[in-house]
Structures are given as structure tokens and as C-alpha cells.
Amino acid sequence: MEINPYAPPQTELDASAGMPEVDKIRRSHLAIEGGIQSMGSVFMLVSLLVLLGAVALSSLPADKVKPGIPTLLAGLGLAYGVVGFGIRRLQTWTRIPAVILSVVGLFRFPMGTLLGGLCLFTLLRTKAGFVLSPAYRDIMQTTPHIKRKTSPVVWVLLVILLAVLWWVAGMNSV
């Protein structure tokens, strides 16, 4: 029987063969870890925008704004900021407050609905519960060599988005 050098391999190679179990677990959860941390960044951005809105409303004359609205917005902005910071650090306690704030966001159509729905989808997955658990925190501490890498495509899209936003802002200032 002759050996065909051009034949496909007869055995499957396992890319994770010889890798410690914690490395496999961490690598299989990197995408959801990144999604949760990105959601934390969005929460922090929303916090900044809501706080700026509260400052803007408080600078209006008293007869133009209902009493307590700037204070309510400031409290909501601080809540988004605290929860966003906790989510970025993958804190266990942040899951329920983040779900509540995401539900609140659903009522701000269209962007709030889109972002709130995406946050709920991310947070209510089984893997998200594991990533936000103390067990996963232990895995992260034993696998500091495993890092999430951002795709070059994402960086290009981000530059294009920023260029479009800069162009739109320039068009509105004229």
C-alpha cells in the first residue's frame, strides 16, 4: 500500500491538547468577558451623558424645569457610573443592578431600546453568570497570560465611526 503525501490527515488535531483546564475555560469565555466589559464602558458613557444632562437642566431657570428632575438625573447618572465601573471589573454584585438599568434603558427609544436589549441579552446568558462569579475571578487570577485581543477590523471600523462623527460635528457647526 502506497502512502499518498497529498491525502488529508486521518486524525483530528485538538488545538487545546496539553493545555491546562483553566486555560481552556478562560479561552472559551473570553468573548463574553469582553462583551461584559464593553457593556461596562457603555454604562460609564451613559453615566457621563446623563450627568451632563443633569448639569444642563440645573442651569436652566427654575420655572422651566420641574423641581427634583436634575437631582433624579444626577442620581441615575451616578448609578450608571457605579454599575459601569463594577461591570468593567467583572464584580459579582453588578449583574442585578445592570439588568435593572438595562430595563430602564429599554424605554428610551430607539438607542436605549437597542442598547438595553443587547445588555439584557448579554447579562442573562448562562456564561455571563459564570464570568461574573468568584470562581471565574479565580480563573482570571491563575491565567493572567491570557489576554483578549481586539480584531484589526474593529479598530478600522472605530476609526471610520470617529471620522464620520467628526465630519458630522463639523457640518453642524457651520
N, C-alpha and C. Protein backbone atom coordinates (compact mmCIF):
# COMPACT_ATOMS: atom_id res chain seq x y z
N MET A 1 0.84 -1.17 0.00
CA MET A 1 0.00 0.00 0.00
C MET A 1 0.89 1.24 0.00
N GLU A 2 0.58 2.14 -0.92
CA GLU A 2 1.37 3.37 -1.04
C GLU A 2 0.80 4.47 -0.14
N ILE A 3 1.67 5.32 0.35
CA ILE A 3 1.25 6.48 1.15
C ILE A 3 1.14 7.67 0.21
N ASN A 4 -0.03 8.28 0.24
CA ASN A 4 -0.27 9.44 -0.60
C ASN A 4 0.12 10.70 0.19
N PRO A 5 1.16 11.43 -0.23
CA PRO A 5 1.57 12.61 0.52
C PRO A 5 0.56 13.77 0.40
N TYR A 6 -0.36 13.68 -0.54
CA TYR A 6 -1.34 14.76 -0.75
C TYR A 6 -2.69 14.48 -0.09
N ALA A 7 -2.80 13.35 0.57
CA ALA A 7 -4.05 12.99 1.23
C ALA A 7 -4.24 13.84 2.49
N PRO A 8 -5.50 14.13 2.82
CA PRO A 8 -5.74 14.89 4.06
C PRO A 8 -5.38 14.05 5.28
N PRO A 9 -5.09 14.68 6.40
CA PRO A 9 -4.75 13.91 7.60
C PRO A 9 -5.90 13.03 8.03
N GLN A 10 -5.56 11.89 8.59
CA GLN A 10 -6.57 10.92 9.00
C GLN A 10 -7.01 11.11 10.46
N THR A 11 -6.29 11.94 11.21
CA THR A 11 -6.65 12.19 12.59
C THR A 11 -6.94 13.67 12.77
N GLU A 12 -7.81 13.95 13.72
CA GLU A 12 -8.11 15.35 14.02
C GLU A 12 -7.15 15.84 15.08
N LEU A 13 -6.67 17.06 14.90
CA LEU A 13 -5.80 17.66 15.89
C LEU A 13 -6.63 18.52 16.83
N ASP A 14 -6.38 18.37 18.10
CA ASP A 14 -7.07 19.17 19.11
C ASP A 14 -6.15 20.32 19.49
N ALA A 15 -6.58 21.56 19.18
CA ALA A 15 -5.75 22.73 19.45
C ALA A 15 -5.52 22.92 20.94
N SER A 16 -6.42 22.39 21.76
CA SER A 16 -6.29 22.59 23.20
C SER A 16 -5.59 21.41 23.88
N ALA A 17 -5.04 20.48 23.10
CA ALA A 17 -4.37 19.33 23.70
C ALA A 17 -3.14 19.79 24.48
N GLY A 18 -2.99 19.31 25.68
CA GLY A 18 -1.85 19.67 26.51
C GLY A 18 -2.02 20.98 27.25
N MET A 19 -3.13 21.67 27.03
CA MET A 19 -3.39 22.95 27.69
C MET A 19 -4.07 22.69 29.03
N PRO A 20 -3.68 23.41 30.07
CA PRO A 20 -4.36 23.23 31.36
C PRO A 20 -5.85 23.55 31.26
N GLU A 21 -6.63 22.92 32.11
CA GLU A 21 -8.09 23.08 32.08
C GLU A 21 -8.51 24.53 32.29
N VAL A 22 -7.84 25.24 33.19
CA VAL A 22 -8.22 26.64 33.45
C VAL A 22 -7.97 27.51 32.22
N ASP A 23 -6.92 27.20 31.46
CA ASP A 23 -6.68 27.95 30.22
C ASP A 23 -7.81 27.72 29.22
N LYS A 24 -8.27 26.47 29.12
CA LYS A 24 -9.37 26.16 28.21
C LYS A 24 -10.63 26.91 28.62
N ILE A 25 -10.92 26.92 29.91
CA ILE A 25 -12.12 27.61 30.40
C ILE A 25 -12.02 29.10 30.11
N ARG A 26 -10.88 29.70 30.40
CA ARG A 26 -10.72 31.14 30.19
C ARG A 26 -10.84 31.48 28.71
N ARG A 27 -10.19 30.70 27.85
CA ARG A 27 -10.26 30.98 26.41
C ARG A 27 -11.69 30.83 25.87
N SER A 28 -12.44 29.88 26.42
CA SER A 28 -13.81 29.68 25.93
C SER A 28 -14.76 30.78 26.41
N HIS A 29 -14.34 31.56 27.42
CA HIS A 29 -15.20 32.63 27.95
C HIS A 29 -14.67 34.03 27.63
N LEU A 30 -13.62 34.14 26.84
CA LEU A 30 -13.05 35.46 26.55
C LEU A 30 -14.02 36.38 25.82
N ALA A 31 -14.80 35.84 24.90
CA ALA A 31 -15.72 36.68 24.14
C ALA A 31 -16.79 37.29 25.04
N ILE A 32 -17.38 36.50 25.91
CA ILE A 32 -18.41 37.02 26.80
C ILE A 32 -17.79 37.96 27.83
N GLU A 33 -16.57 37.66 28.27
CA GLU A 33 -15.86 38.56 29.19
C GLU A 33 -15.67 39.93 28.54
N GLY A 34 -15.24 39.93 27.29
CA GLY A 34 -15.06 41.19 26.57
C GLY A 34 -16.37 41.92 26.36
N GLY A 35 -17.42 41.17 26.06
CA GLY A 35 -18.73 41.79 25.86
C GLY A 35 -19.24 42.45 27.13
N ILE A 36 -19.04 41.80 28.25
CA ILE A 36 -19.49 42.36 29.52
C ILE A 36 -18.68 43.61 29.86
N GLN A 37 -17.37 43.55 29.65
CA GLN A 37 -16.54 44.72 29.95
C GLN A 37 -16.86 45.88 29.01
N SER A 38 -17.16 45.59 27.75
CA SER A 38 -17.56 46.65 26.83
C SER A 38 -18.88 47.27 27.27
N MET A 39 -19.77 46.43 27.76
CA MET A 39 -21.05 46.94 28.27
C MET A 39 -20.80 47.88 29.45
N GLY A 40 -19.82 47.57 30.28
CA GLY A 40 -19.46 48.46 31.38
C GLY A 40 -19.00 49.82 30.87
N SER A 41 -18.26 49.82 29.77
CA SER A 41 -17.83 51.09 29.17
C SER A 41 -19.03 51.88 28.66
N VAL A 42 -20.00 51.19 28.08
CA VAL A 42 -21.21 51.87 27.61
C VAL A 42 -21.97 52.47 28.79
N PHE A 43 -22.06 51.73 29.89
CA PHE A 43 -22.73 52.24 31.09
C PHE A 43 -22.03 53.51 31.59
N MET A 44 -20.70 53.51 31.55
CA MET A 44 -19.96 54.67 32.02
C MET A 44 -20.17 55.87 31.08
N LEU A 45 -20.27 55.62 29.78
CA LEU A 45 -20.55 56.69 28.83
C LEU A 45 -21.96 57.25 29.05
N VAL A 46 -22.92 56.38 29.26
CA VAL A 46 -24.29 56.81 29.56
C VAL A 46 -24.29 57.64 30.84
N SER A 47 -23.51 57.22 31.82
CA SER A 47 -23.42 57.96 33.07
C SER A 47 -22.94 59.39 32.82
N LEU A 48 -21.91 59.52 32.02
CA LEU A 48 -21.39 60.84 31.71
C LEU A 48 -22.44 61.71 31.01
N LEU A 49 -23.14 61.12 30.04
CA LEU A 49 -24.16 61.89 29.30
C LEU A 49 -25.33 62.29 30.20
N VAL A 50 -25.76 61.39 31.06
CA VAL A 50 -26.88 61.71 31.96
C VAL A 50 -26.46 62.79 32.97
N LEU A 51 -25.23 62.69 33.48
CA LEU A 51 -24.75 63.71 34.41
C LEU A 51 -24.63 65.07 33.73
N LEU A 52 -24.17 65.08 32.48
CA LEU A 52 -24.11 66.35 31.74
C LEU A 52 -25.52 66.91 31.52
N GLY A 53 -26.48 66.04 31.26
CA GLY A 53 -27.86 66.48 31.12
C GLY A 53 -28.41 67.06 32.42
N ALA A 54 -28.05 66.45 33.54
CA ALA A 54 -28.49 66.96 34.84
C ALA A 54 -27.90 68.34 35.10
N VAL A 55 -26.63 68.53 34.76
CA VAL A 55 -25.99 69.84 34.94
C VAL A 55 -26.66 70.88 34.03
N ALA A 56 -26.93 70.47 32.79
CA ALA A 56 -27.57 71.40 31.86
C ALA A 56 -28.97 71.80 32.35
N LEU A 57 -29.73 70.85 32.85
CA LEU A 57 -31.07 71.15 33.36
C LEU A 57 -31.02 72.03 34.61
N SER A 58 -30.03 71.79 35.45
CA SER A 58 -29.95 72.59 36.68
C SER A 58 -29.54 74.03 36.40
N SER A 59 -28.95 74.27 35.23
CA SER A 59 -28.56 75.64 34.89
C SER A 59 -29.71 76.44 34.27
N LEU A 60 -30.82 75.78 33.96
CA LEU A 60 -31.98 76.48 33.41
C LEU A 60 -32.72 77.22 34.52
N PRO A 61 -33.50 78.23 34.16
CA PRO A 61 -34.31 78.94 35.17
C PRO A 61 -35.27 77.97 35.86
N ALA A 62 -35.58 78.23 37.12
CA ALA A 62 -36.41 77.33 37.93
C ALA A 62 -37.81 77.15 37.36
N ASP A 63 -38.35 78.14 36.64
CA ASP A 63 -39.70 78.00 36.10
C ASP A 63 -39.74 77.11 34.85
N LYS A 64 -38.58 76.77 34.29
CA LYS A 64 -38.52 75.94 33.08
C LYS A 64 -38.35 74.45 33.38
N VAL A 65 -37.93 74.10 34.59
CA VAL A 65 -37.64 72.71 34.95
C VAL A 65 -38.44 72.34 36.18
N LYS A 66 -39.04 71.14 36.13
CA LYS A 66 -39.77 70.64 37.31
C LYS A 66 -38.78 70.39 38.43
N PRO A 67 -39.16 70.72 39.66
CA PRO A 67 -38.24 70.52 40.78
C PRO A 67 -37.90 69.03 40.96
N GLY A 68 -36.66 68.77 41.25
CA GLY A 68 -36.22 67.40 41.53
C GLY A 68 -35.73 66.64 40.31
N ILE A 69 -36.05 67.10 39.10
CA ILE A 69 -35.63 66.36 37.90
C ILE A 69 -34.10 66.33 37.77
N PRO A 70 -33.40 67.47 37.93
CA PRO A 70 -31.94 67.40 37.85
C PRO A 70 -31.34 66.47 38.91
N THR A 71 -31.91 66.48 40.10
CA THR A 71 -31.41 65.60 41.17
C THR A 71 -31.65 64.14 40.82
N LEU A 72 -32.82 63.85 40.27
CA LEU A 72 -33.14 62.48 39.85
C LEU A 72 -32.18 62.02 38.75
N LEU A 73 -31.93 62.89 37.79
CA LEU A 73 -30.99 62.55 36.71
C LEU A 73 -29.57 62.35 37.25
N ALA A 74 -29.17 63.19 38.18
CA ALA A 74 -27.83 63.04 38.77
C ALA A 74 -27.71 61.69 39.49
N GLY A 75 -28.74 61.31 40.21
CA GLY A 75 -28.73 60.00 40.89
C GLY A 75 -28.67 58.85 39.90
N LEU A 76 -29.45 58.96 38.82
CA LEU A 76 -29.44 57.93 37.79
C LEU A 76 -28.07 57.86 37.11
N GLY A 77 -27.48 59.02 36.85
CA GLY A 77 -26.14 59.06 36.24
C GLY A 77 -25.09 58.43 37.14
N LEU A 78 -25.17 58.72 38.43
CA LEU A 78 -24.23 58.11 39.36
C LEU A 78 -24.42 56.60 39.43
N ALA A 79 -25.67 56.15 39.39
CA ALA A 79 -25.95 54.71 39.41
C ALA A 79 -25.34 54.03 38.18
N TYR A 80 -25.54 54.64 37.00
CA TYR A 80 -24.93 54.08 35.79
C TYR A 80 -23.41 54.03 35.92
N GLY A 81 -22.82 55.07 36.49
CA GLY A 81 -21.37 55.11 36.62
C GLY A 81 -20.83 54.05 37.56
N VAL A 82 -21.46 53.91 38.71
CA VAL A 82 -21.00 52.92 39.70
C VAL A 82 -21.16 51.51 39.14
N VAL A 83 -22.31 51.23 38.54
CA VAL A 83 -22.53 49.89 37.99
C VAL A 83 -21.59 49.65 36.80
N GLY A 84 -21.40 50.65 35.97
CA GLY A 84 -20.49 50.51 34.83
C GLY A 84 -19.07 50.20 35.27
N PHE A 85 -18.61 50.91 36.31
CA PHE A 85 -17.27 50.66 36.84
C PHE A 85 -17.17 49.24 37.40
N GLY A 86 -18.21 48.79 38.09
CA GLY A 86 -18.22 47.43 38.63
C GLY A 86 -18.25 46.38 37.54
N ILE A 87 -19.00 46.64 36.48
CA ILE A 87 -19.06 45.69 35.37
C ILE A 87 -17.70 45.59 34.68
N ARG A 88 -17.04 46.72 34.49
CA ARG A 88 -15.71 46.70 33.86
C ARG A 88 -14.75 45.81 34.66
N ARG A 89 -14.93 45.79 35.98
CA ARG A 89 -14.06 44.98 36.84
C ARG A 89 -14.64 43.58 37.08
N LEU A 90 -15.75 43.25 36.40
CA LEU A 90 -16.42 41.94 36.50
C LEU A 90 -16.80 41.60 37.93
N GLN A 91 -17.36 42.57 38.64
CA GLN A 91 -17.81 42.37 40.02
C GLN A 91 -19.12 41.57 40.02
N THR A 92 -19.23 40.65 40.94
CA THR A 92 -20.39 39.78 41.03
C THR A 92 -21.68 40.54 41.30
N TRP A 93 -21.65 41.54 42.16
CA TRP A 93 -22.85 42.27 42.59
C TRP A 93 -23.48 43.10 41.47
N THR A 94 -22.79 43.30 40.36
CA THR A 94 -23.27 44.23 39.33
C THR A 94 -24.35 43.65 38.41
N ARG A 95 -24.52 42.36 38.42
CA ARG A 95 -25.44 41.75 37.45
C ARG A 95 -26.88 42.24 37.62
N ILE A 96 -27.42 42.20 38.82
CA ILE A 96 -28.83 42.60 39.05
C ILE A 96 -29.03 44.10 38.81
N PRO A 97 -28.17 44.99 39.36
CA PRO A 97 -28.36 46.41 39.05
C PRO A 97 -28.22 46.72 37.56
N ALA A 98 -27.32 46.01 36.87
CA ALA A 98 -27.16 46.23 35.44
C ALA A 98 -28.41 45.79 34.67
N VAL A 99 -29.02 44.71 35.09
CA VAL A 99 -30.27 44.27 34.45
C VAL A 99 -31.36 45.31 34.68
N ILE A 100 -31.46 45.84 35.90
CA ILE A 100 -32.48 46.86 36.20
C ILE A 100 -32.25 48.11 35.36
N LEU A 101 -31.00 48.58 35.29
CA LEU A 101 -30.71 49.77 34.49
C LEU A 101 -30.91 49.51 33.00
N SER A 102 -30.67 48.30 32.55
CA SER A 102 -30.92 47.96 31.14
C SER A 102 -32.41 47.98 30.83
N VAL A 103 -33.23 47.52 31.78
CA VAL A 103 -34.68 47.57 31.59
C VAL A 103 -35.14 49.03 31.54
N VAL A 104 -34.57 49.88 32.40
CA VAL A 104 -34.89 51.31 32.35
C VAL A 104 -34.51 51.88 30.99
N GLY A 105 -33.38 51.45 30.46
CA GLY A 105 -32.93 51.92 29.16
C GLY A 105 -33.83 51.51 28.01
N LEU A 106 -34.58 50.43 28.17
CA LEU A 106 -35.47 49.98 27.10
C LEU A 106 -36.50 51.04 26.72
N PHE A 107 -36.85 51.93 27.65
CA PHE A 107 -37.88 52.93 27.40
C PHE A 107 -37.37 54.15 26.65
N ARG A 108 -36.06 54.24 26.44
CA ARG A 108 -35.50 55.37 25.69
C ARG A 108 -35.31 54.95 24.23
N PHE A 109 -36.38 55.01 23.48
CA PHE A 109 -36.38 54.58 22.09
C PHE A 109 -35.64 55.59 21.23
N PRO A 110 -34.86 55.23 20.25
CA PRO A 110 -34.51 53.92 19.73
C PRO A 110 -33.19 53.37 20.29
N MET A 111 -32.23 54.25 20.61
CA MET A 111 -30.92 53.75 21.03
C MET A 111 -30.97 53.05 22.38
N GLY A 112 -31.74 53.58 23.32
CA GLY A 112 -31.85 52.94 24.62
C GLY A 112 -32.45 51.55 24.51
N THR A 113 -33.43 51.42 23.62
CA THR A 113 -34.05 50.11 23.41
C THR A 113 -33.04 49.12 22.84
N LEU A 114 -32.28 49.58 21.86
CA LEU A 114 -31.29 48.71 21.23
C LEU A 114 -30.20 48.31 22.23
N LEU A 115 -29.63 49.31 22.92
CA LEU A 115 -28.55 49.01 23.87
C LEU A 115 -29.06 48.23 25.08
N GLY A 116 -30.25 48.60 25.58
CA GLY A 116 -30.82 47.87 26.71
C GLY A 116 -31.09 46.42 26.37
N GLY A 117 -31.62 46.17 25.19
CA GLY A 117 -31.87 44.79 24.76
C GLY A 117 -30.58 44.00 24.61
N LEU A 118 -29.57 44.64 24.04
CA LEU A 118 -28.28 43.97 23.89
C LEU A 118 -27.65 43.67 25.25
N CYS A 119 -27.76 44.61 26.18
CA CYS A 119 -27.23 44.39 27.53
C CYS A 119 -27.97 43.25 28.23
N LEU A 120 -29.29 43.23 28.09
CA LEU A 120 -30.06 42.14 28.71
C LEU A 120 -29.69 40.80 28.11
N PHE A 121 -29.53 40.76 26.79
CA PHE A 121 -29.14 39.51 26.12
C PHE A 121 -27.78 39.04 26.65
N THR A 122 -26.85 39.97 26.82
CA THR A 122 -25.52 39.61 27.30
C THR A 122 -25.56 39.17 28.76
N LEU A 123 -26.26 39.92 29.59
CA LEU A 123 -26.24 39.65 31.04
C LEU A 123 -27.00 38.40 31.45
N LEU A 124 -28.04 38.06 30.72
CA LEU A 124 -28.89 36.95 31.13
C LEU A 124 -28.46 35.60 30.56
N ARG A 125 -27.33 35.58 29.88
CA ARG A 125 -26.81 34.31 29.38
C ARG A 125 -26.14 33.54 30.52
N THR A 126 -26.11 32.23 30.40
CA THR A 126 -25.51 31.39 31.43
C THR A 126 -24.02 31.68 31.58
N LYS A 127 -23.34 31.90 30.45
CA LYS A 127 -21.91 32.18 30.51
C LYS A 127 -21.63 33.48 31.25
N ALA A 128 -22.53 34.46 31.13
CA ALA A 128 -22.33 35.74 31.83
C ALA A 128 -22.40 35.52 33.34
N GLY A 129 -23.29 34.67 33.78
CA GLY A 129 -23.36 34.36 35.20
C GLY A 129 -22.07 33.74 35.71
N PHE A 130 -21.46 32.90 34.89
CA PHE A 130 -20.20 32.28 35.29
C PHE A 130 -19.06 33.30 35.28
N VAL A 131 -19.03 34.16 34.24
CA VAL A 131 -17.97 35.17 34.15
C VAL A 131 -18.03 36.15 35.32
N LEU A 132 -19.22 36.41 35.82
CA LEU A 132 -19.38 37.33 36.95
C LEU A 132 -19.33 36.62 38.30
N SER A 133 -18.83 35.40 38.32
CA SER A 133 -18.79 34.63 39.57
C SER A 133 -17.39 34.68 40.20
N PRO A 134 -17.31 34.41 41.50
CA PRO A 134 -15.98 34.34 42.16
C PRO A 134 -15.10 33.23 41.58
N ALA A 135 -15.70 32.15 41.10
CA ALA A 135 -14.91 31.06 40.52
C ALA A 135 -14.16 31.54 39.28
N TYR A 136 -14.83 32.34 38.46
CA TYR A 136 -14.17 32.86 37.25
C TYR A 136 -13.09 33.87 37.62
N ARG A 137 -13.32 34.62 38.69
CA ARG A 137 -12.30 35.57 39.14
C ARG A 137 -11.03 34.81 39.51
N ASP A 138 -11.18 33.64 40.16
CA ASP A 138 -10.02 32.81 40.50
C ASP A 138 -9.32 32.32 39.23
N ILE A 139 -10.11 31.95 38.23
CA ILE A 139 -9.53 31.50 36.96
C ILE A 139 -8.75 32.65 36.31
N MET A 140 -9.29 33.87 36.38
CA MET A 140 -8.59 35.02 35.80
C MET A 140 -7.27 35.28 36.51
N GLN A 141 -7.24 35.07 37.81
CA GLN A 141 -6.00 35.29 38.56
C GLN A 141 -4.95 34.23 38.25
N THR A 142 -5.38 33.02 37.91
CA THR A 142 -4.41 31.97 37.58
C THR A 142 -4.01 31.98 36.11
N THR A 143 -4.70 32.77 35.29
CA THR A 143 -4.37 32.83 33.86
C THR A 143 -4.16 34.27 33.40
N PRO A 144 -3.23 35.01 34.03
CA PRO A 144 -3.03 36.40 33.60
C PRO A 144 -2.37 36.50 32.22
N HIS A 145 -1.79 35.42 31.74
CA HIS A 145 -1.13 35.42 30.44
C HIS A 145 -2.13 35.38 29.28
N ILE A 146 -3.37 35.09 29.56
CA ILE A 146 -4.39 35.04 28.50
C ILE A 146 -5.06 36.41 28.41
N LYS A 147 -4.93 37.02 27.27
CA LYS A 147 -5.49 38.36 27.06
C LYS A 147 -6.42 38.33 25.85
N ARG A 148 -7.43 39.17 25.90
CA ARG A 148 -8.34 39.33 24.78
C ARG A 148 -7.73 40.32 23.82
N LYS A 149 -7.74 39.98 22.53
CA LYS A 149 -7.17 40.87 21.52
C LYS A 149 -8.29 41.41 20.65
N THR A 150 -8.22 42.70 20.38
CA THR A 150 -9.22 43.34 19.52
C THR A 150 -8.81 43.14 18.07
N SER A 151 -9.76 42.74 17.26
CA SER A 151 -9.52 42.49 15.85
C SER A 151 -9.15 43.79 15.14
N PRO A 152 -8.24 43.73 14.16
CA PRO A 152 -7.92 44.94 13.38
C PRO A 152 -9.14 45.51 12.67
N VAL A 153 -10.09 44.66 12.31
CA VAL A 153 -11.31 45.12 11.65
C VAL A 153 -12.09 46.06 12.58
N VAL A 154 -12.14 45.72 13.86
CA VAL A 154 -12.84 46.56 14.83
C VAL A 154 -12.16 47.92 14.94
N TRP A 155 -10.83 47.93 14.95
CA TRP A 155 -10.10 49.20 15.03
C TRP A 155 -10.38 50.06 13.80
N VAL A 156 -10.40 49.45 12.62
CA VAL A 156 -10.69 50.20 11.39
C VAL A 156 -12.11 50.77 11.44
N LEU A 157 -13.08 49.96 11.87
CA LEU A 157 -14.46 50.44 11.98
C LEU A 157 -14.58 51.57 13.00
N LEU A 158 -13.83 51.48 14.09
CA LEU A 158 -13.85 52.54 15.09
C LEU A 158 -13.30 53.85 14.52
N VAL A 159 -12.21 53.77 13.76
CA VAL A 159 -11.64 54.97 13.15
C VAL A 159 -12.62 55.57 12.16
N ILE A 160 -13.28 54.73 11.37
CA ILE A 160 -14.28 55.23 10.41
C ILE A 160 -15.44 55.90 11.15
N LEU A 161 -15.92 55.27 12.22
CA LEU A 161 -17.00 55.86 13.01
C LEU A 161 -16.61 57.21 13.59
N LEU A 162 -15.41 57.29 14.15
CA LEU A 162 -14.95 58.56 14.71
C LEU A 162 -14.79 59.62 13.62
N ALA A 163 -14.31 59.24 12.45
CA ALA A 163 -14.18 60.18 11.35
C ALA A 163 -15.55 60.70 10.91
N VAL A 164 -16.53 59.82 10.83
CA VAL A 164 -17.89 60.23 10.45
C VAL A 164 -18.47 61.17 11.50
N LEU A 165 -18.30 60.83 12.78
CA LEU A 165 -18.80 61.69 13.85
C LEU A 165 -18.12 63.06 13.82
N TRP A 166 -16.83 63.09 13.56
CA TRP A 166 -16.10 64.36 13.48
C TRP A 166 -16.60 65.18 12.31
N TRP A 167 -16.86 64.51 11.18
CA TRP A 167 -17.36 65.20 10.00
C TRP A 167 -18.76 65.76 10.25
N VAL A 168 -19.62 64.96 10.87
CA VAL A 168 -20.98 65.41 11.17
C VAL A 168 -20.94 66.59 12.15
N ALA A 169 -20.07 66.51 13.16
CA ALA A 169 -19.96 67.62 14.11
C ALA A 169 -19.47 68.88 13.41
N GLY A 170 -18.55 68.73 12.47
CA GLY A 170 -18.08 69.88 11.69
C GLY A 170 -19.16 70.48 10.81
N MET A 171 -20.02 69.62 10.26
CA MET A 171 -21.11 70.09 9.40
C MET A 171 -22.14 70.85 10.21
N ASN A 172 -22.39 70.45 11.45
CA ASN A 172 -23.39 71.10 12.28
C ASN A 172 -22.91 72.41 12.86
N SER A 173 -21.59 72.62 12.89
CA SER A 173 -21.08 73.86 13.47
C SER A 173 -21.06 75.00 12.47
N VAL A 174 -21.28 74.71 11.20
CA VAL A 174 -21.25 75.75 10.17
C VAL A 174 -22.55 76.50 10.12
